[in-house]
Amino acid sequence: MMTISPERMDIVQTQWLRFTESFAEVADALRVFDDLVERYCESHRHYHNLEHLGEVLKVAGRLASHSEDSVALTLAVWFHDAVYDPRRDDNEAKSADLAMDSLQRFRLSDATREQISSLILATRQHVATTANERVLLDADLAILAAAEARYDRYAAAIRREFGHVSDADFRVGRRAVLEQFLAREHIFHTPVMAVEGEAAARRNLSREAANLA
């Protein structure tokens, strides 16, 4: 379980309240914030935690010029891994449902809420058809292009999250996932990530796949 200092948590909360102030009452915004933080701090999360959320928010911010609706995009980032159980295969659907329920009291249009749900669901297969999906998926996968030491820490954290799976089964399943990404014509969608991350991501994925062989 990842821990975060009270000072850092105060900063994150302040950023959230500033972001939501134009479309949510403070009490409603804090209720949603507290629930999300509690979820991302669950003890079984070794990678899909607040550190991951922060990294995705940071990259999505860098790619904001390629997005079409920054509010929907940012809320999708906050909710995209809100429900995470490595033993289940419906985390994205559950996260989308949670977003739709949690945001009911926010002053958002039905179209915006539906877009948030659609964005979250897109993280399951990582196939993008809209500008916002391209930004979200690139931000979510930016870890693949991280420096070698950070990537290795990510890979080790994923293994810990799947501690219920035997080494042999994990190697087979994980290698299949890596090879699916390597088989794609492009891992990243936005021009920035294509230039900055494509080659690095392929190096990291190939290295991990070789180590799992």
N, C-alpha and C. Protein backbone atom coordinates (compact mmCIF):
# COMPACT_ATOMS: atom_id res chain seq x y z
N MET A 1 0.84 -1.20 0.00
CA MET A 1 0.00 0.00 0.00
C MET A 1 0.88 1.25 0.00
N MET A 2 0.57 2.17 -0.88
CA MET A 2 1.33 3.41 -0.96
C MET A 2 0.86 4.40 0.09
N THR A 3 1.79 5.08 0.73
CA THR A 3 1.44 6.12 1.69
C THR A 3 1.82 7.47 1.10
N ILE A 4 1.13 8.51 1.54
CA ILE A 4 1.38 9.86 1.06
C ILE A 4 1.35 10.79 2.26
N SER A 5 2.26 11.74 2.30
CA SER A 5 2.34 12.62 3.45
C SER A 5 1.11 13.51 3.55
N PRO A 6 0.77 13.93 4.77
CA PRO A 6 -0.39 14.84 4.93
C PRO A 6 -0.22 16.12 4.12
N GLU A 7 1.01 16.62 4.03
CA GLU A 7 1.25 17.85 3.27
C GLU A 7 0.96 17.64 1.79
N ARG A 8 1.42 16.52 1.26
CA ARG A 8 1.18 16.22 -0.15
C ARG A 8 -0.31 15.99 -0.39
N MET A 9 -0.97 15.33 0.54
CA MET A 9 -2.40 15.08 0.39
C MET A 9 -3.17 16.40 0.38
N ASP A 10 -2.75 17.35 1.20
CA ASP A 10 -3.40 18.65 1.21
C ASP A 10 -3.27 19.34 -0.15
N ILE A 11 -2.10 19.21 -0.77
CA ILE A 11 -1.88 19.82 -2.08
C ILE A 11 -2.78 19.17 -3.12
N VAL A 12 -2.86 17.84 -3.09
CA VAL A 12 -3.69 17.12 -4.05
C VAL A 12 -5.17 17.51 -3.86
N GLN A 13 -5.59 17.58 -2.60
CA GLN A 13 -6.98 17.95 -2.33
C GLN A 13 -7.28 19.37 -2.83
N THR A 14 -6.36 20.28 -2.60
CA THR A 14 -6.55 21.66 -3.06
C THR A 14 -6.65 21.71 -4.57
N GLN A 15 -5.81 20.95 -5.26
CA GLN A 15 -5.86 20.90 -6.72
C GLN A 15 -7.21 20.35 -7.19
N TRP A 16 -7.70 19.33 -6.52
CA TRP A 16 -8.99 18.75 -6.87
C TRP A 16 -10.12 19.77 -6.68
N LEU A 17 -10.10 20.49 -5.56
CA LEU A 17 -11.16 21.46 -5.29
C LEU A 17 -11.12 22.61 -6.30
N ARG A 18 -9.94 23.03 -6.70
CA ARG A 18 -9.84 24.09 -7.71
C ARG A 18 -10.37 23.59 -9.05
N PHE A 19 -10.05 22.34 -9.37
CA PHE A 19 -10.50 21.77 -10.63
C PHE A 19 -12.03 21.64 -10.67
N THR A 20 -12.65 21.26 -9.56
CA THR A 20 -14.09 20.98 -9.54
C THR A 20 -14.95 22.17 -9.15
N GLU A 21 -14.35 23.30 -8.78
CA GLU A 21 -15.13 24.39 -8.19
C GLU A 21 -16.18 24.96 -9.14
N SER A 22 -16.00 24.84 -10.44
CA SER A 22 -16.96 25.43 -11.38
C SER A 22 -18.16 24.53 -11.64
N PHE A 23 -18.09 23.28 -11.20
CA PHE A 23 -19.21 22.38 -11.49
C PHE A 23 -19.59 21.47 -10.33
N ALA A 24 -19.09 21.75 -9.12
CA ALA A 24 -19.45 20.91 -7.97
C ALA A 24 -19.42 21.72 -6.69
N GLU A 25 -20.35 21.43 -5.80
CA GLU A 25 -20.32 22.01 -4.47
C GLU A 25 -19.15 21.40 -3.70
N VAL A 26 -18.58 22.18 -2.79
CA VAL A 26 -17.39 21.72 -2.06
C VAL A 26 -17.66 20.40 -1.34
N ALA A 27 -18.80 20.29 -0.67
CA ALA A 27 -19.12 19.08 0.08
C ALA A 27 -19.17 17.86 -0.84
N ASP A 28 -19.78 18.01 -2.01
CA ASP A 28 -19.86 16.91 -2.96
C ASP A 28 -18.49 16.56 -3.51
N ALA A 29 -17.70 17.59 -3.82
CA ALA A 29 -16.35 17.35 -4.34
C ALA A 29 -15.49 16.62 -3.32
N LEU A 30 -15.58 17.01 -2.06
CA LEU A 30 -14.79 16.36 -1.01
C LEU A 30 -15.24 14.92 -0.80
N ARG A 31 -16.53 14.68 -0.87
CA ARG A 31 -17.03 13.31 -0.71
C ARG A 31 -16.44 12.39 -1.78
N VAL A 32 -16.45 12.86 -3.01
CA VAL A 32 -15.91 12.05 -4.11
C VAL A 32 -14.40 11.91 -3.96
N PHE A 33 -13.73 12.99 -3.60
CA PHE A 33 -12.28 12.96 -3.43
C PHE A 33 -11.87 11.94 -2.37
N ASP A 34 -12.52 11.99 -1.22
CA ASP A 34 -12.17 11.07 -0.13
C ASP A 34 -12.40 9.62 -0.55
N ASP A 35 -13.47 9.36 -1.26
CA ASP A 35 -13.75 8.00 -1.71
C ASP A 35 -12.68 7.51 -2.69
N LEU A 36 -12.30 8.37 -3.63
CA LEU A 36 -11.29 7.99 -4.61
C LEU A 36 -9.94 7.74 -3.95
N VAL A 37 -9.54 8.61 -3.04
CA VAL A 37 -8.26 8.43 -2.35
C VAL A 37 -8.25 7.12 -1.57
N GLU A 38 -9.33 6.84 -0.88
CA GLU A 38 -9.42 5.59 -0.12
C GLU A 38 -9.27 4.39 -1.05
N ARG A 39 -9.89 4.45 -2.21
CA ARG A 39 -9.79 3.35 -3.16
C ARG A 39 -8.37 3.17 -3.69
N TYR A 40 -7.73 4.29 -4.07
CA TYR A 40 -6.37 4.19 -4.62
C TYR A 40 -5.33 3.82 -3.56
N CYS A 41 -5.72 3.86 -2.30
CA CYS A 41 -4.80 3.48 -1.21
C CYS A 41 -5.06 2.06 -0.69
N GLU A 42 -5.88 1.29 -1.37
CA GLU A 42 -6.16 -0.08 -0.93
C GLU A 42 -4.87 -0.89 -0.86
N SER A 43 -4.81 -1.79 0.11
CA SER A 43 -3.56 -2.49 0.42
C SER A 43 -3.06 -3.40 -0.70
N HIS A 44 -3.95 -3.86 -1.58
CA HIS A 44 -3.51 -4.77 -2.64
C HIS A 44 -2.97 -4.04 -3.86
N ARG A 45 -3.01 -2.72 -3.83
CA ARG A 45 -2.52 -1.93 -4.97
C ARG A 45 -1.04 -1.62 -4.78
N HIS A 46 -0.23 -2.20 -5.64
CA HIS A 46 1.21 -1.94 -5.61
C HIS A 46 1.63 -1.06 -6.77
N TYR A 47 0.86 -1.09 -7.85
CA TYR A 47 1.09 -0.17 -8.97
C TYR A 47 -0.10 0.75 -9.22
N HIS A 48 -1.30 0.21 -9.23
CA HIS A 48 -2.50 1.00 -9.55
C HIS A 48 -2.94 1.81 -8.32
N ASN A 49 -2.07 2.71 -7.90
CA ASN A 49 -2.27 3.46 -6.66
C ASN A 49 -2.19 4.95 -6.92
N LEU A 50 -2.00 5.73 -5.88
CA LEU A 50 -1.96 7.18 -6.03
C LEU A 50 -0.77 7.64 -6.85
N GLU A 51 0.34 6.93 -6.78
CA GLU A 51 1.50 7.29 -7.60
C GLU A 51 1.14 7.18 -9.09
N HIS A 52 0.51 6.06 -9.45
CA HIS A 52 0.08 5.88 -10.84
C HIS A 52 -0.91 6.98 -11.23
N LEU A 53 -1.87 7.26 -10.38
CA LEU A 53 -2.85 8.31 -10.68
C LEU A 53 -2.14 9.64 -10.92
N GLY A 54 -1.19 9.97 -10.06
CA GLY A 54 -0.46 11.22 -10.23
C GLY A 54 0.32 11.27 -11.52
N GLU A 55 0.94 10.17 -11.89
CA GLU A 55 1.71 10.12 -13.13
C GLU A 55 0.80 10.28 -14.35
N VAL A 56 -0.35 9.63 -14.31
CA VAL A 56 -1.28 9.75 -15.44
C VAL A 56 -1.81 11.17 -15.55
N LEU A 57 -2.16 11.78 -14.42
CA LEU A 57 -2.62 13.16 -14.44
C LEU A 57 -1.56 14.10 -15.01
N LYS A 58 -0.31 13.86 -14.64
CA LYS A 58 0.78 14.71 -15.12
C LYS A 58 0.95 14.60 -16.63
N VAL A 59 0.93 13.39 -17.16
CA VAL A 59 1.11 13.21 -18.60
C VAL A 59 -0.11 13.74 -19.35
N ALA A 60 -1.29 13.47 -18.83
CA ALA A 60 -2.51 13.98 -19.47
C ALA A 60 -2.48 15.50 -19.53
N GLY A 61 -1.94 16.13 -18.50
CA GLY A 61 -1.80 17.58 -18.52
C GLY A 61 -0.85 18.05 -19.60
N ARG A 62 0.24 17.32 -19.79
CA ARG A 62 1.19 17.67 -20.85
C ARG A 62 0.57 17.51 -22.23
N LEU A 63 -0.36 16.57 -22.36
CA LEU A 63 -0.97 16.28 -23.66
C LEU A 63 -2.30 17.01 -23.85
N ALA A 64 -2.61 17.94 -22.95
CA ALA A 64 -3.93 18.58 -22.95
C ALA A 64 -4.26 19.26 -24.27
N SER A 65 -3.25 19.76 -24.97
CA SER A 65 -3.53 20.45 -26.23
C SER A 65 -4.08 19.51 -27.30
N HIS A 66 -3.93 18.19 -27.09
CA HIS A 66 -4.44 17.21 -28.04
C HIS A 66 -5.82 16.69 -27.64
N SER A 67 -6.36 17.18 -26.51
CA SER A 67 -7.65 16.69 -26.03
C SER A 67 -8.78 17.56 -26.57
N GLU A 68 -10.01 17.06 -26.41
CA GLU A 68 -11.18 17.80 -26.90
C GLU A 68 -12.09 18.25 -25.78
N ASP A 69 -11.91 17.71 -24.58
CA ASP A 69 -12.73 18.08 -23.43
C ASP A 69 -11.91 17.79 -22.18
N SER A 70 -11.26 18.82 -21.66
CA SER A 70 -10.32 18.62 -20.56
C SER A 70 -11.01 18.19 -19.27
N VAL A 71 -12.25 18.63 -19.05
CA VAL A 71 -12.97 18.23 -17.84
C VAL A 71 -13.28 16.74 -17.87
N ALA A 72 -13.85 16.28 -18.98
CA ALA A 72 -14.15 14.85 -19.11
C ALA A 72 -12.88 14.03 -19.03
N LEU A 73 -11.82 14.49 -19.67
CA LEU A 73 -10.55 13.77 -19.65
C LEU A 73 -10.01 13.64 -18.24
N THR A 74 -9.96 14.75 -17.50
CA THR A 74 -9.40 14.72 -16.15
C THR A 74 -10.21 13.85 -15.22
N LEU A 75 -11.53 13.94 -15.30
CA LEU A 75 -12.36 13.09 -14.45
C LEU A 75 -12.21 11.62 -14.82
N ALA A 76 -12.04 11.33 -16.10
CA ALA A 76 -11.80 9.95 -16.53
C ALA A 76 -10.49 9.43 -15.96
N VAL A 77 -9.48 10.29 -15.91
CA VAL A 77 -8.21 9.89 -15.30
C VAL A 77 -8.41 9.53 -13.84
N TRP A 78 -9.11 10.39 -13.11
CA TRP A 78 -9.33 10.14 -11.68
C TRP A 78 -10.07 8.83 -11.44
N PHE A 79 -11.00 8.49 -12.31
CA PHE A 79 -11.83 7.31 -12.08
C PHE A 79 -11.35 6.06 -12.82
N HIS A 80 -10.35 6.15 -13.69
CA HIS A 80 -10.09 5.03 -14.60
C HIS A 80 -9.66 3.75 -13.89
N ASP A 81 -9.03 3.86 -12.73
CA ASP A 81 -8.66 2.68 -11.94
C ASP A 81 -9.29 2.73 -10.55
N ALA A 82 -10.39 3.44 -10.41
CA ALA A 82 -11.00 3.58 -9.09
C ALA A 82 -11.42 2.24 -8.51
N VAL A 83 -11.87 1.34 -9.36
CA VAL A 83 -12.15 -0.04 -8.95
C VAL A 83 -11.06 -0.91 -9.55
N TYR A 84 -10.32 -1.59 -8.68
CA TYR A 84 -9.22 -2.42 -9.18
C TYR A 84 -9.05 -3.65 -8.30
N ASP A 85 -9.35 -4.79 -8.88
CA ASP A 85 -9.16 -6.09 -8.23
C ASP A 85 -8.50 -6.99 -9.27
N PRO A 86 -7.21 -7.33 -9.10
CA PRO A 86 -6.51 -8.12 -10.11
C PRO A 86 -7.09 -9.51 -10.33
N ARG A 87 -8.00 -9.94 -9.48
CA ARG A 87 -8.63 -11.24 -9.67
C ARG A 87 -9.87 -11.16 -10.57
N ARG A 88 -10.28 -9.94 -10.95
CA ARG A 88 -11.49 -9.77 -11.76
C ARG A 88 -11.15 -9.18 -13.12
N ASP A 89 -12.07 -9.32 -14.06
CA ASP A 89 -11.85 -8.79 -15.40
C ASP A 89 -12.87 -7.71 -15.77
N ASP A 90 -13.57 -7.18 -14.77
CA ASP A 90 -14.57 -6.15 -15.04
C ASP A 90 -14.26 -4.84 -14.34
N ASN A 91 -12.98 -4.60 -14.05
CA ASN A 91 -12.60 -3.40 -13.31
C ASN A 91 -12.97 -2.11 -14.05
N GLU A 92 -12.76 -2.10 -15.36
CA GLU A 92 -13.06 -0.90 -16.13
C GLU A 92 -14.57 -0.61 -16.11
N ALA A 93 -15.37 -1.64 -16.28
CA ALA A 93 -16.82 -1.46 -16.26
C ALA A 93 -17.28 -0.98 -14.88
N LYS A 94 -16.71 -1.57 -13.84
CA LYS A 94 -17.08 -1.15 -12.48
C LYS A 94 -16.62 0.29 -12.21
N SER A 95 -15.46 0.66 -12.72
CA SER A 95 -14.97 2.02 -12.54
C SER A 95 -15.87 3.02 -13.27
N ALA A 96 -16.29 2.65 -14.48
CA ALA A 96 -17.20 3.51 -15.25
C ALA A 96 -18.52 3.67 -14.52
N ASP A 97 -19.05 2.58 -13.97
CA ASP A 97 -20.30 2.65 -13.21
C ASP A 97 -20.14 3.55 -11.99
N LEU A 98 -19.00 3.42 -11.32
CA LEU A 98 -18.75 4.25 -10.14
C LEU A 98 -18.72 5.72 -10.52
N ALA A 99 -18.08 6.04 -11.63
CA ALA A 99 -18.01 7.43 -12.08
C ALA A 99 -19.40 7.98 -12.35
N MET A 100 -20.21 7.22 -13.05
CA MET A 100 -21.56 7.67 -13.36
C MET A 100 -22.36 7.93 -12.09
N ASP A 101 -22.18 7.07 -11.10
CA ASP A 101 -22.91 7.22 -9.83
C ASP A 101 -22.34 8.37 -9.01
N SER A 102 -21.01 8.45 -8.91
CA SER A 102 -20.37 9.45 -8.05
C SER A 102 -20.57 10.87 -8.55
N LEU A 103 -20.70 11.03 -9.85
CA LEU A 103 -20.76 12.36 -10.45
C LEU A 103 -22.19 12.87 -10.65
N GLN A 104 -23.15 12.15 -10.14
CA GLN A 104 -24.55 12.54 -10.34
C GLN A 104 -24.85 13.94 -9.81
N ARG A 105 -24.25 14.30 -8.69
CA ARG A 105 -24.53 15.59 -8.06
C ARG A 105 -23.66 16.71 -8.63
N PHE A 106 -22.70 16.36 -9.50
CA PHE A 106 -21.89 17.39 -10.14
C PHE A 106 -22.69 18.02 -11.27
N ARG A 107 -22.44 19.30 -11.52
CA ARG A 107 -23.15 20.00 -12.59
C ARG A 107 -22.47 19.72 -13.93
N LEU A 108 -22.68 18.51 -14.39
CA LEU A 108 -22.12 18.05 -15.66
C LEU A 108 -23.25 17.61 -16.57
N SER A 109 -23.09 17.81 -17.85
CA SER A 109 -24.12 17.38 -18.79
C SER A 109 -24.12 15.86 -18.90
N ASP A 110 -25.22 15.31 -19.35
CA ASP A 110 -25.30 13.87 -19.58
C ASP A 110 -24.24 13.45 -20.59
N ALA A 111 -24.01 14.28 -21.59
CA ALA A 111 -23.01 13.95 -22.61
C ALA A 111 -21.62 13.85 -22.01
N THR A 112 -21.31 14.75 -21.07
CA THR A 112 -19.99 14.71 -20.43
C THR A 112 -19.84 13.46 -19.58
N ARG A 113 -20.86 13.12 -18.80
CA ARG A 113 -20.80 11.92 -17.98
C ARG A 113 -20.66 10.67 -18.86
N GLU A 114 -21.39 10.64 -19.95
CA GLU A 114 -21.29 9.49 -20.85
C GLU A 114 -19.91 9.40 -21.49
N GLN A 115 -19.33 10.57 -21.79
CA GLN A 115 -17.98 10.54 -22.35
C GLN A 115 -16.97 10.02 -21.34
N ILE A 116 -17.13 10.41 -20.08
CA ILE A 116 -16.24 9.92 -19.02
C ILE A 116 -16.32 8.40 -18.94
N SER A 117 -17.54 7.88 -18.95
CA SER A 117 -17.73 6.43 -18.91
C SER A 117 -17.07 5.76 -20.11
N SER A 118 -17.26 6.32 -21.29
CA SER A 118 -16.68 5.75 -22.50
C SER A 118 -15.15 5.77 -22.46
N LEU A 119 -14.60 6.85 -21.93
CA LEU A 119 -13.14 6.95 -21.81
C LEU A 119 -12.59 5.87 -20.89
N ILE A 120 -13.23 5.68 -19.76
CA ILE A 120 -12.78 4.66 -18.82
C ILE A 120 -12.84 3.28 -19.46
N LEU A 121 -13.92 2.99 -20.16
CA LEU A 121 -14.07 1.69 -20.80
C LEU A 121 -13.01 1.47 -21.87
N ALA A 122 -12.52 2.55 -22.48
CA ALA A 122 -11.49 2.43 -23.52
C ALA A 122 -10.17 1.93 -22.97
N THR A 123 -9.96 2.05 -21.64
CA THR A 123 -8.69 1.59 -21.07
C THR A 123 -8.62 0.07 -20.95
N ARG A 124 -9.73 -0.61 -21.25
CA ARG A 124 -9.68 -2.07 -21.17
C ARG A 124 -8.89 -2.67 -22.33
N GLN A 125 -9.25 -2.30 -23.56
CA GLN A 125 -8.56 -2.83 -24.74
C GLN A 125 -7.48 -1.89 -25.26
N HIS A 126 -7.44 -0.69 -24.73
CA HIS A 126 -6.47 0.32 -25.16
C HIS A 126 -6.52 0.55 -26.67
N VAL A 127 -7.74 0.74 -27.16
CA VAL A 127 -7.97 1.10 -28.55
C VAL A 127 -8.65 2.46 -28.56
N ALA A 128 -8.07 3.44 -29.25
CA ALA A 128 -8.56 4.81 -29.24
C ALA A 128 -9.22 5.18 -30.55
N THR A 129 -10.37 5.86 -30.45
CA THR A 129 -11.07 6.35 -31.63
C THR A 129 -11.34 7.85 -31.57
N THR A 130 -11.12 8.48 -30.41
CA THR A 130 -11.35 9.91 -30.25
C THR A 130 -10.09 10.58 -29.72
N ALA A 131 -10.06 11.91 -29.81
CA ALA A 131 -8.90 12.66 -29.32
C ALA A 131 -8.69 12.44 -27.82
N ASN A 132 -9.78 12.49 -27.04
CA ASN A 132 -9.65 12.28 -25.61
C ASN A 132 -9.18 10.87 -25.28
N GLU A 133 -9.65 9.88 -26.02
CA GLU A 133 -9.19 8.51 -25.80
C GLU A 133 -7.71 8.39 -26.11
N ARG A 134 -7.25 9.04 -27.15
CA ARG A 134 -5.84 8.97 -27.49
C ARG A 134 -4.98 9.56 -26.37
N VAL A 135 -5.42 10.67 -25.80
CA VAL A 135 -4.67 11.28 -24.71
C VAL A 135 -4.70 10.41 -23.46
N LEU A 136 -5.88 9.93 -23.09
CA LEU A 136 -5.99 9.10 -21.88
C LEU A 136 -5.16 7.83 -22.00
N LEU A 137 -5.26 7.15 -23.12
CA LEU A 137 -4.53 5.90 -23.27
C LEU A 137 -3.02 6.14 -23.30
N ASP A 138 -2.59 7.20 -23.94
CA ASP A 138 -1.15 7.51 -23.93
C ASP A 138 -0.67 7.84 -22.53
N ALA A 139 -1.47 8.58 -21.78
CA ALA A 139 -1.08 8.91 -20.41
C ALA A 139 -1.04 7.66 -19.54
N ASP A 140 -2.00 6.78 -19.73
CA ASP A 140 -2.07 5.54 -18.95
C ASP A 140 -0.89 4.63 -19.25
N LEU A 141 -0.44 4.62 -20.50
CA LEU A 141 0.64 3.73 -20.92
C LEU A 141 2.01 4.40 -20.91
N ALA A 142 2.08 5.65 -20.48
CA ALA A 142 3.36 6.37 -20.49
C ALA A 142 4.41 5.64 -19.66
N ILE A 143 4.00 4.89 -18.67
CA ILE A 143 4.94 4.13 -17.84
C ILE A 143 5.78 3.18 -18.67
N LEU A 144 5.24 2.72 -19.80
CA LEU A 144 5.99 1.79 -20.65
C LEU A 144 7.25 2.43 -21.22
N ALA A 145 7.25 3.75 -21.32
CA ALA A 145 8.39 4.47 -21.87
C ALA A 145 9.27 5.08 -20.78
N ALA A 146 9.06 4.68 -19.54
CA ALA A 146 9.81 5.26 -18.42
C ALA A 146 11.28 4.83 -18.48
N ALA A 147 12.09 5.52 -17.72
CA ALA A 147 13.49 5.12 -17.57
C ALA A 147 13.55 3.68 -17.06
N GLU A 148 14.62 2.99 -17.37
CA GLU A 148 14.70 1.56 -17.08
C GLU A 148 14.41 1.22 -15.62
N ALA A 149 14.98 1.99 -14.71
CA ALA A 149 14.78 1.69 -13.28
C ALA A 149 13.31 1.85 -12.89
N ARG A 150 12.65 2.91 -13.39
CA ARG A 150 11.23 3.11 -13.07
C ARG A 150 10.39 2.03 -13.71
N TYR A 151 10.71 1.65 -14.92
CA TYR A 151 9.96 0.58 -15.58
C TYR A 151 10.10 -0.72 -14.79
N ASP A 152 11.28 -1.03 -14.34
CA ASP A 152 11.49 -2.27 -13.60
C ASP A 152 10.71 -2.25 -12.29
N ARG A 153 10.62 -1.09 -11.65
CA ARG A 153 9.83 -0.98 -10.42
C ARG A 153 8.35 -1.20 -10.74
N TYR A 154 7.91 -0.65 -11.86
CA TYR A 154 6.52 -0.88 -12.31
C TYR A 154 6.26 -2.36 -12.55
N ALA A 155 7.16 -3.02 -13.27
CA ALA A 155 6.96 -4.45 -13.59
C ALA A 155 6.93 -5.28 -12.31
N ALA A 156 7.79 -4.95 -11.35
CA ALA A 156 7.81 -5.68 -10.08
C ALA A 156 6.51 -5.45 -9.31
N ALA A 157 5.98 -4.23 -9.39
CA ALA A 157 4.73 -3.92 -8.70
C ALA A 157 3.56 -4.69 -9.32
N ILE A 158 3.55 -4.81 -10.63
CA ILE A 158 2.51 -5.60 -11.29
C ILE A 158 2.60 -7.05 -10.83
N ARG A 159 3.79 -7.58 -10.72
CA ARG A 159 3.93 -8.98 -10.25
C ARG A 159 3.37 -9.13 -8.84
N ARG A 160 3.60 -8.14 -7.99
CA ARG A 160 3.08 -8.20 -6.63
C ARG A 160 1.56 -8.16 -6.63
N GLU A 161 0.97 -7.38 -7.51
CA GLU A 161 -0.49 -7.32 -7.57
C GLU A 161 -1.08 -8.66 -8.00
N PHE A 162 -0.32 -9.42 -8.76
CA PHE A 162 -0.78 -10.74 -9.19
C PHE A 162 -0.08 -11.84 -8.38
N GLY A 163 0.11 -11.57 -7.11
CA GLY A 163 0.77 -12.54 -6.24
C GLY A 163 -0.01 -13.83 -6.08
N HIS A 164 -1.30 -13.80 -6.40
CA HIS A 164 -2.12 -15.01 -6.31
C HIS A 164 -1.91 -15.95 -7.49
N VAL A 165 -1.14 -15.50 -8.49
CA VAL A 165 -0.89 -16.30 -9.69
C VAL A 165 0.49 -16.94 -9.58
N SER A 166 0.61 -18.20 -9.96
CA SER A 166 1.90 -18.89 -9.90
C SER A 166 2.90 -18.23 -10.83
N ASP A 167 4.18 -18.42 -10.56
CA ASP A 167 5.23 -17.83 -11.41
C ASP A 167 5.09 -18.29 -12.86
N ALA A 168 4.85 -19.58 -13.04
CA ALA A 168 4.75 -20.11 -14.41
C ALA A 168 3.58 -19.49 -15.15
N ASP A 169 2.43 -19.42 -14.51
CA ASP A 169 1.25 -18.85 -15.17
C ASP A 169 1.41 -17.35 -15.39
N PHE A 170 2.04 -16.68 -14.44
CA PHE A 170 2.25 -15.24 -14.61
C PHE A 170 3.17 -14.97 -15.80
N ARG A 171 4.24 -15.73 -15.92
CA ARG A 171 5.18 -15.52 -17.03
C ARG A 171 4.46 -15.67 -18.37
N VAL A 172 3.63 -16.69 -18.49
CA VAL A 172 2.91 -16.91 -19.75
C VAL A 172 1.93 -15.77 -20.02
N GLY A 173 1.13 -15.41 -19.03
CA GLY A 173 0.13 -14.37 -19.22
C GLY A 173 0.74 -13.00 -19.44
N ARG A 174 1.73 -12.66 -18.66
CA ARG A 174 2.36 -11.35 -18.78
C ARG A 174 3.08 -11.22 -20.12
N ARG A 175 3.77 -12.27 -20.52
CA ARG A 175 4.49 -12.21 -21.80
C ARG A 175 3.51 -12.04 -22.96
N ALA A 176 2.36 -12.67 -22.86
CA ALA A 176 1.35 -12.52 -23.92
C ALA A 176 0.89 -11.07 -24.02
N VAL A 177 0.71 -10.42 -22.86
CA VAL A 177 0.30 -9.01 -22.86
C VAL A 177 1.37 -8.14 -23.50
N LEU A 178 2.62 -8.37 -23.11
CA LEU A 178 3.72 -7.58 -23.66
C LEU A 178 3.83 -7.75 -25.17
N GLU A 179 3.69 -8.99 -25.63
CA GLU A 179 3.82 -9.25 -27.06
C GLU A 179 2.66 -8.65 -27.85
N GLN A 180 1.49 -8.55 -27.23
CA GLN A 180 0.36 -7.89 -27.91
C GLN A 180 0.67 -6.43 -28.16
N PHE A 181 1.28 -5.77 -27.19
CA PHE A 181 1.65 -4.37 -27.39
C PHE A 181 2.77 -4.25 -28.43
N LEU A 182 3.74 -5.14 -28.37
CA LEU A 182 4.84 -5.08 -29.33
C LEU A 182 4.37 -5.33 -30.75
N ALA A 183 3.29 -6.08 -30.90
CA ALA A 183 2.78 -6.40 -32.24
C ALA A 183 2.02 -5.25 -32.86
N ARG A 184 1.68 -4.24 -32.07
CA ARG A 184 0.93 -3.11 -32.61
C ARG A 184 1.83 -2.26 -33.51
N GLU A 185 1.21 -1.66 -34.49
CA GLU A 185 1.97 -0.76 -35.36
C GLU A 185 2.45 0.45 -34.57
N HIS A 186 1.59 0.95 -33.68
CA HIS A 186 1.94 2.07 -32.82
C HIS A 186 1.44 1.79 -31.41
N ILE A 187 2.30 1.99 -30.42
CA ILE A 187 1.88 1.86 -29.02
C ILE A 187 1.19 3.15 -28.58
N PHE A 188 1.76 4.29 -29.00
CA PHE A 188 1.22 5.59 -28.61
C PHE A 188 0.51 6.25 -29.78
N HIS A 189 -0.44 7.14 -29.43
CA HIS A 189 -1.30 7.75 -30.43
C HIS A 189 -0.98 9.22 -30.70
N THR A 190 -0.61 9.95 -29.66
CA THR A 190 -0.38 11.38 -29.83
C THR A 190 1.02 11.63 -30.38
N PRO A 191 1.21 12.73 -31.13
CA PRO A 191 2.54 13.01 -31.69
C PRO A 191 3.64 13.10 -30.63
N VAL A 192 3.31 13.72 -29.50
CA VAL A 192 4.32 13.88 -28.45
C VAL A 192 4.81 12.53 -27.95
N MET A 193 3.90 11.65 -27.59
CA MET A 193 4.30 10.35 -27.06
C MET A 193 4.91 9.46 -28.13
N ALA A 194 4.46 9.61 -29.36
CA ALA A 194 5.05 8.82 -30.45
C ALA A 194 6.53 9.14 -30.59
N VAL A 195 6.87 10.42 -30.50
CA VAL A 195 8.26 10.85 -30.64
C VAL A 195 9.06 10.52 -29.39
N GLU A 196 8.50 10.85 -28.23
CA GLU A 196 9.24 10.72 -26.98
C GLU A 196 9.26 9.30 -26.41
N GLY A 197 8.21 8.52 -26.70
CA GLY A 197 8.09 7.27 -25.97
C GLY A 197 8.07 5.98 -26.74
N GLU A 198 7.80 6.00 -28.02
CA GLU A 198 7.61 4.75 -28.77
C GLU A 198 8.82 3.84 -28.70
N ALA A 199 10.00 4.37 -29.01
CA ALA A 199 11.20 3.54 -29.02
C ALA A 199 11.53 3.03 -27.62
N ALA A 200 11.42 3.91 -26.63
CA ALA A 200 11.73 3.51 -25.25
C ALA A 200 10.77 2.44 -24.77
N ALA A 201 9.50 2.58 -25.11
CA ALA A 201 8.51 1.59 -24.69
C ALA A 201 8.82 0.23 -25.30
N ARG A 202 9.18 0.22 -26.55
CA ARG A 202 9.48 -1.06 -27.21
C ARG A 202 10.73 -1.70 -26.62
N ARG A 203 11.70 -0.90 -26.23
CA ARG A 203 12.89 -1.45 -25.57
C ARG A 203 12.52 -2.09 -24.24
N ASN A 204 11.72 -1.36 -23.44
CA ASN A 204 11.33 -1.89 -22.13
C ASN A 204 10.49 -3.15 -22.25
N LEU A 205 9.53 -3.14 -23.15
CA LEU A 205 8.65 -4.30 -23.33
C LEU A 205 9.45 -5.50 -23.82
N SER A 206 10.35 -5.29 -24.76
CA SER A 206 11.15 -6.39 -25.30
C SER A 206 12.07 -6.97 -24.24
N ARG A 207 12.64 -6.09 -23.42
CA ARG A 207 13.53 -6.55 -22.36
C ARG A 207 12.78 -7.38 -21.33
N GLU A 208 11.59 -6.90 -20.92
CA GLU A 208 10.82 -7.67 -19.94
C GLU A 208 10.36 -8.99 -20.53
N ALA A 209 9.91 -8.97 -21.77
CA ALA A 209 9.45 -10.20 -22.42
C ALA A 209 10.58 -11.23 -22.50
N ALA A 210 11.79 -10.77 -22.80
CA ALA A 210 12.93 -11.67 -22.87
C ALA A 210 13.25 -12.26 -21.51
N ASN A 211 13.13 -11.44 -20.46
CA ASN A 211 13.40 -11.93 -19.11
C ASN A 211 12.36 -12.95 -18.65
N LEU A 212 11.15 -12.87 -19.21
CA LEU A 212 10.09 -13.80 -18.83
C LEU A 212 10.13 -15.10 -19.63
N ALA A 213 10.93 -15.12 -20.67
CA ALA A 213 10.95 -16.30 -21.56
C ALA A 213 11.51 -17.51 -20.82
